[in-house]
Amino acid sequence: MSLLLILGLIGIALVLVFMPRLNIDPGKSKAIHRLQGYKWFHNHWYAGLFLFCMNAVLFTFTCLVLFALMYFTIPFVHLLVMLAAVIVSILFWFLLGRAWQGAKSGRIKMSGAGSSFYFLLTIVFSYWFFKIEPEYPGEDTFMRAVGLLFAIVVSLVAFITCFVMTGFPRRK
């Protein structure tokens, strides 16, 4: 499992390096054009709230799908669901970063407000990690701690990736 975590971190680093260099013309994308047409999207707080809500929706939907998959005995499907969630999130962040028109300070405020969802998740998982207690005498809490540690790392990487992709997009 730690190998998958390390491969995931390497993959995210590669995405941060190579994805912004893609030649996607903001004028040709329907999603970017549609977002730029909304008046509320030009306000950094509303755009940040939109990003925050979309992050929450994507995270909640992924958790619900993973919860539903617990009732089936199909191996490794949860890994594909998590990979798909990462890809959809990165594409969404890429589009939102390209769609923003405005000052750099507004872009950073929008990015900080939107990616704070994952920062809040990191804080919640950290709190749970430090407050682990056995539910019954003699329970080993090691695996719960490992799961929470992975959750902390994943949510922190999601925060950093979302902040970088929406706050500092490279333009040619």
Protein backbone atom coordinates (compact mmCIF):
# COMPACT_ATOMS: atom_id res chain seq x y z
CA MET A 1 0.00 0.00 0.00
CA SER A 2 2.86 2.37 0.71
CA LEU A 3 4.19 1.65 -2.78
CA LEU A 4 0.88 2.91 -4.20
CA LEU A 5 1.14 6.01 -2.05
CA ILE A 6 4.67 6.73 -3.28
CA LEU A 7 3.65 6.09 -6.91
CA GLY A 8 0.70 8.42 -6.41
CA LEU A 9 2.94 11.18 -5.07
CA ILE A 10 5.30 10.76 -8.02
CA GLY A 11 2.33 10.85 -10.40
CA ILE A 12 1.00 14.06 -8.85
CA ALA A 13 4.45 15.64 -9.11
CA LEU A 14 4.59 14.71 -12.80
CA VAL A 15 1.11 16.16 -13.33
CA LEU A 16 2.13 19.42 -11.67
CA VAL A 17 5.16 19.65 -13.94
CA PHE A 18 3.69 18.60 -17.29
CA MET A 19 -0.09 19.28 -17.26
CA PRO A 20 0.08 23.10 -17.22
CA ARG A 21 2.23 22.95 -20.37
CA LEU A 22 -0.60 21.49 -22.42
CA ASN A 23 -1.69 23.71 -25.27
CA ILE A 24 -5.36 24.13 -24.45
CA ASP A 25 -6.74 27.37 -25.80
CA PRO A 26 -9.18 28.78 -23.23
CA GLY A 27 -11.33 30.13 -26.05
CA LYS A 28 -11.93 26.66 -27.52
CA SER A 29 -13.07 24.88 -24.35
CA LYS A 30 -16.83 25.04 -23.77
CA ALA A 31 -16.47 24.58 -20.02
CA ILE A 32 -13.93 27.40 -19.72
CA HIS A 33 -16.00 29.67 -21.94
CA ARG A 34 -19.12 28.93 -19.90
CA LEU A 35 -17.39 29.63 -16.59
CA GLN A 36 -15.94 32.88 -17.89
CA GLY A 37 -19.43 33.97 -18.94
CA TYR A 38 -20.83 33.84 -15.41
CA LYS A 39 -20.66 37.18 -13.60
CA TRP A 40 -20.21 35.55 -10.19
CA PHE A 41 -17.10 33.73 -11.41
CA HIS A 42 -15.26 37.06 -11.73
CA ASN A 43 -15.45 37.54 -7.95
CA HIS A 44 -12.62 35.63 -6.27
CA TRP A 45 -14.70 34.76 -3.18
CA TYR A 46 -17.58 33.30 -5.18
CA ALA A 47 -15.21 31.41 -7.45
CA GLY A 48 -13.37 30.11 -4.35
CA LEU A 49 -16.67 29.03 -2.82
CA PHE A 50 -17.53 27.26 -6.07
CA LEU A 51 -14.18 25.46 -6.01
CA PHE A 52 -14.68 24.58 -2.32
CA CYS A 53 -18.15 23.15 -3.02
CA MET A 54 -16.99 21.21 -6.07
CA ASN A 55 -14.12 19.70 -4.05
CA ALA A 56 -16.61 18.73 -1.35
CA VAL A 57 -19.00 17.20 -3.90
CA LEU A 58 -16.24 15.21 -5.63
CA PHE A 59 -14.88 13.98 -2.29
CA THR A 60 -18.34 13.03 -0.98
CA PHE A 61 -19.31 11.25 -4.19
CA THR A 62 -16.05 9.27 -4.15
CA CYS A 63 -16.60 8.31 -0.50
CA LEU A 64 -20.14 7.16 -1.25
CA VAL A 65 -18.97 5.03 -4.19
CA LEU A 66 -16.21 3.51 -2.04
CA PHE A 67 -18.72 2.84 0.73
CA ALA A 68 -21.04 1.10 -1.75
CA LEU A 69 -18.13 -1.00 -3.04
CA MET A 70 -17.60 -2.42 0.44
CA TYR A 71 -20.66 -4.61 -0.12
CA PHE A 72 -19.17 -6.29 -3.19
CA THR A 73 -16.26 -8.70 -3.30
CA ILE A 74 -14.70 -7.37 -6.47
CA PRO A 75 -10.97 -6.90 -5.81
CA PHE A 76 -9.08 -3.71 -6.69
CA VAL A 77 -12.11 -1.78 -7.98
CA HIS A 78 -11.67 0.73 -5.16
CA LEU A 79 -8.23 1.58 -6.53
CA LEU A 80 -9.75 2.34 -9.94
CA VAL A 81 -12.41 4.52 -8.31
CA MET A 82 -9.76 6.48 -6.41
CA LEU A 83 -7.67 6.86 -9.58
CA ALA A 84 -10.71 8.13 -11.48
CA ALA A 85 -11.48 10.59 -8.67
CA VAL A 86 -7.93 11.95 -8.81
CA ILE A 87 -8.05 12.34 -12.60
CA VAL A 88 -11.44 14.11 -12.52
CA SER A 89 -10.28 16.43 -9.74
CA ILE A 90 -7.07 17.34 -11.56
CA LEU A 91 -8.94 18.03 -14.81
CA PHE A 92 -11.45 20.17 -12.93
CA TRP A 93 -8.67 22.16 -11.22
CA PHE A 94 -6.89 22.60 -14.55
CA LEU A 95 -10.05 23.97 -16.18
CA LEU A 96 -10.79 26.27 -13.27
CA GLY A 97 -7.22 27.59 -13.29
CA ARG A 98 -7.48 28.33 -17.01
CA ALA A 99 -10.93 29.90 -16.72
CA TRP A 100 -10.03 32.49 -14.10
CA GLN A 101 -9.62 36.01 -15.44
CA GLY A 102 -8.50 38.65 -13.03
CA ALA A 103 -5.71 39.86 -10.84
CA LYS A 104 -3.10 37.48 -9.48
CA SER A 105 -4.06 38.39 -5.91
CA GLY A 106 -7.67 37.46 -6.67
CA ARG A 107 -6.53 34.18 -8.20
CA ILE A 108 -4.54 33.30 -5.08
CA LYS A 109 -7.52 34.20 -2.83
CA MET A 110 -9.81 32.06 -4.99
CA SER A 111 -7.36 29.20 -4.91
CA GLY A 112 -6.81 29.44 -1.17
CA ALA A 113 -10.52 29.55 -0.42
CA GLY A 114 -11.30 26.63 -2.71
CA SER A 115 -8.47 24.34 -1.73
CA SER A 116 -9.07 24.96 1.97
CA PHE A 117 -11.56 22.07 1.89
CA TYR A 118 -8.65 19.64 1.74
CA PHE A 119 -6.73 21.61 4.38
CA LEU A 120 -9.73 21.29 6.71
CA LEU A 121 -9.80 17.55 5.98
CA THR A 122 -6.11 17.38 6.89
CA ILE A 123 -6.85 19.07 10.20
CA VAL A 124 -9.77 16.71 10.94
CA PHE A 125 -7.73 13.60 10.09
CA SER A 126 -4.83 14.91 12.20
CA TYR A 127 -7.15 15.45 15.15
CA TRP A 128 -8.52 11.91 14.80
CA PHE A 129 -4.96 10.59 14.51
CA PHE A 130 -3.85 12.22 17.76
CA LYS A 131 -7.04 11.20 19.60
CA ILE A 132 -6.94 7.48 18.74
CA GLU A 133 -8.07 5.36 21.65
CA PRO A 134 -8.89 1.67 21.68
CA GLU A 135 -12.62 0.92 21.51
CA TYR A 136 -12.22 -2.06 23.82
CA PRO A 137 -9.40 -3.20 26.14
CA GLY A 138 -6.52 -4.78 24.29
CA GLU A 139 -7.47 -3.43 20.82
CA ASP A 140 -4.54 -2.75 18.54
CA THR A 141 -5.01 0.69 16.95
CA PHE A 142 -2.03 0.42 14.61
CA MET A 143 -4.01 -0.15 11.40
CA ARG A 144 -6.39 2.69 12.21
CA ALA A 145 -3.37 4.95 12.73
CA VAL A 146 -1.85 3.86 9.41
CA GLY A 147 -5.14 4.57 7.61
CA LEU A 148 -5.39 8.00 9.18
CA LEU A 149 -1.76 8.73 8.34
CA PHE A 150 -2.46 7.87 4.69
CA ALA A 151 -5.58 10.07 4.81
CA ILE A 152 -3.50 12.96 6.17
CA VAL A 153 -0.90 12.58 3.42
CA VAL A 154 -3.50 12.26 0.65
CA SER A 155 -5.56 15.25 1.79
CA LEU A 156 -2.43 17.39 2.22
CA VAL A 157 -1.23 16.47 -1.28
CA ALA A 158 -4.71 17.27 -2.64
CA PHE A 159 -4.58 20.67 -0.92
CA ILE A 160 -1.17 21.50 -2.35
CA THR A 161 -2.07 20.24 -5.83
CA CYS A 162 -5.36 22.14 -5.92
CA PHE A 163 -3.70 25.32 -4.66
CA VAL A 164 -0.85 25.12 -7.17
CA MET A 165 -2.99 24.18 -10.18
CA THR A 166 -5.63 26.87 -9.60
CA GLY A 167 -3.41 29.54 -8.08
CA PHE A 168 -0.29 29.40 -10.22
CA PRO A 169 -1.11 28.12 -13.72
CA ARG A 170 1.62 28.42 -16.28
CA ARG A 171 0.68 30.31 -19.39
CA LYS A 172 2.57 30.58 -22.63
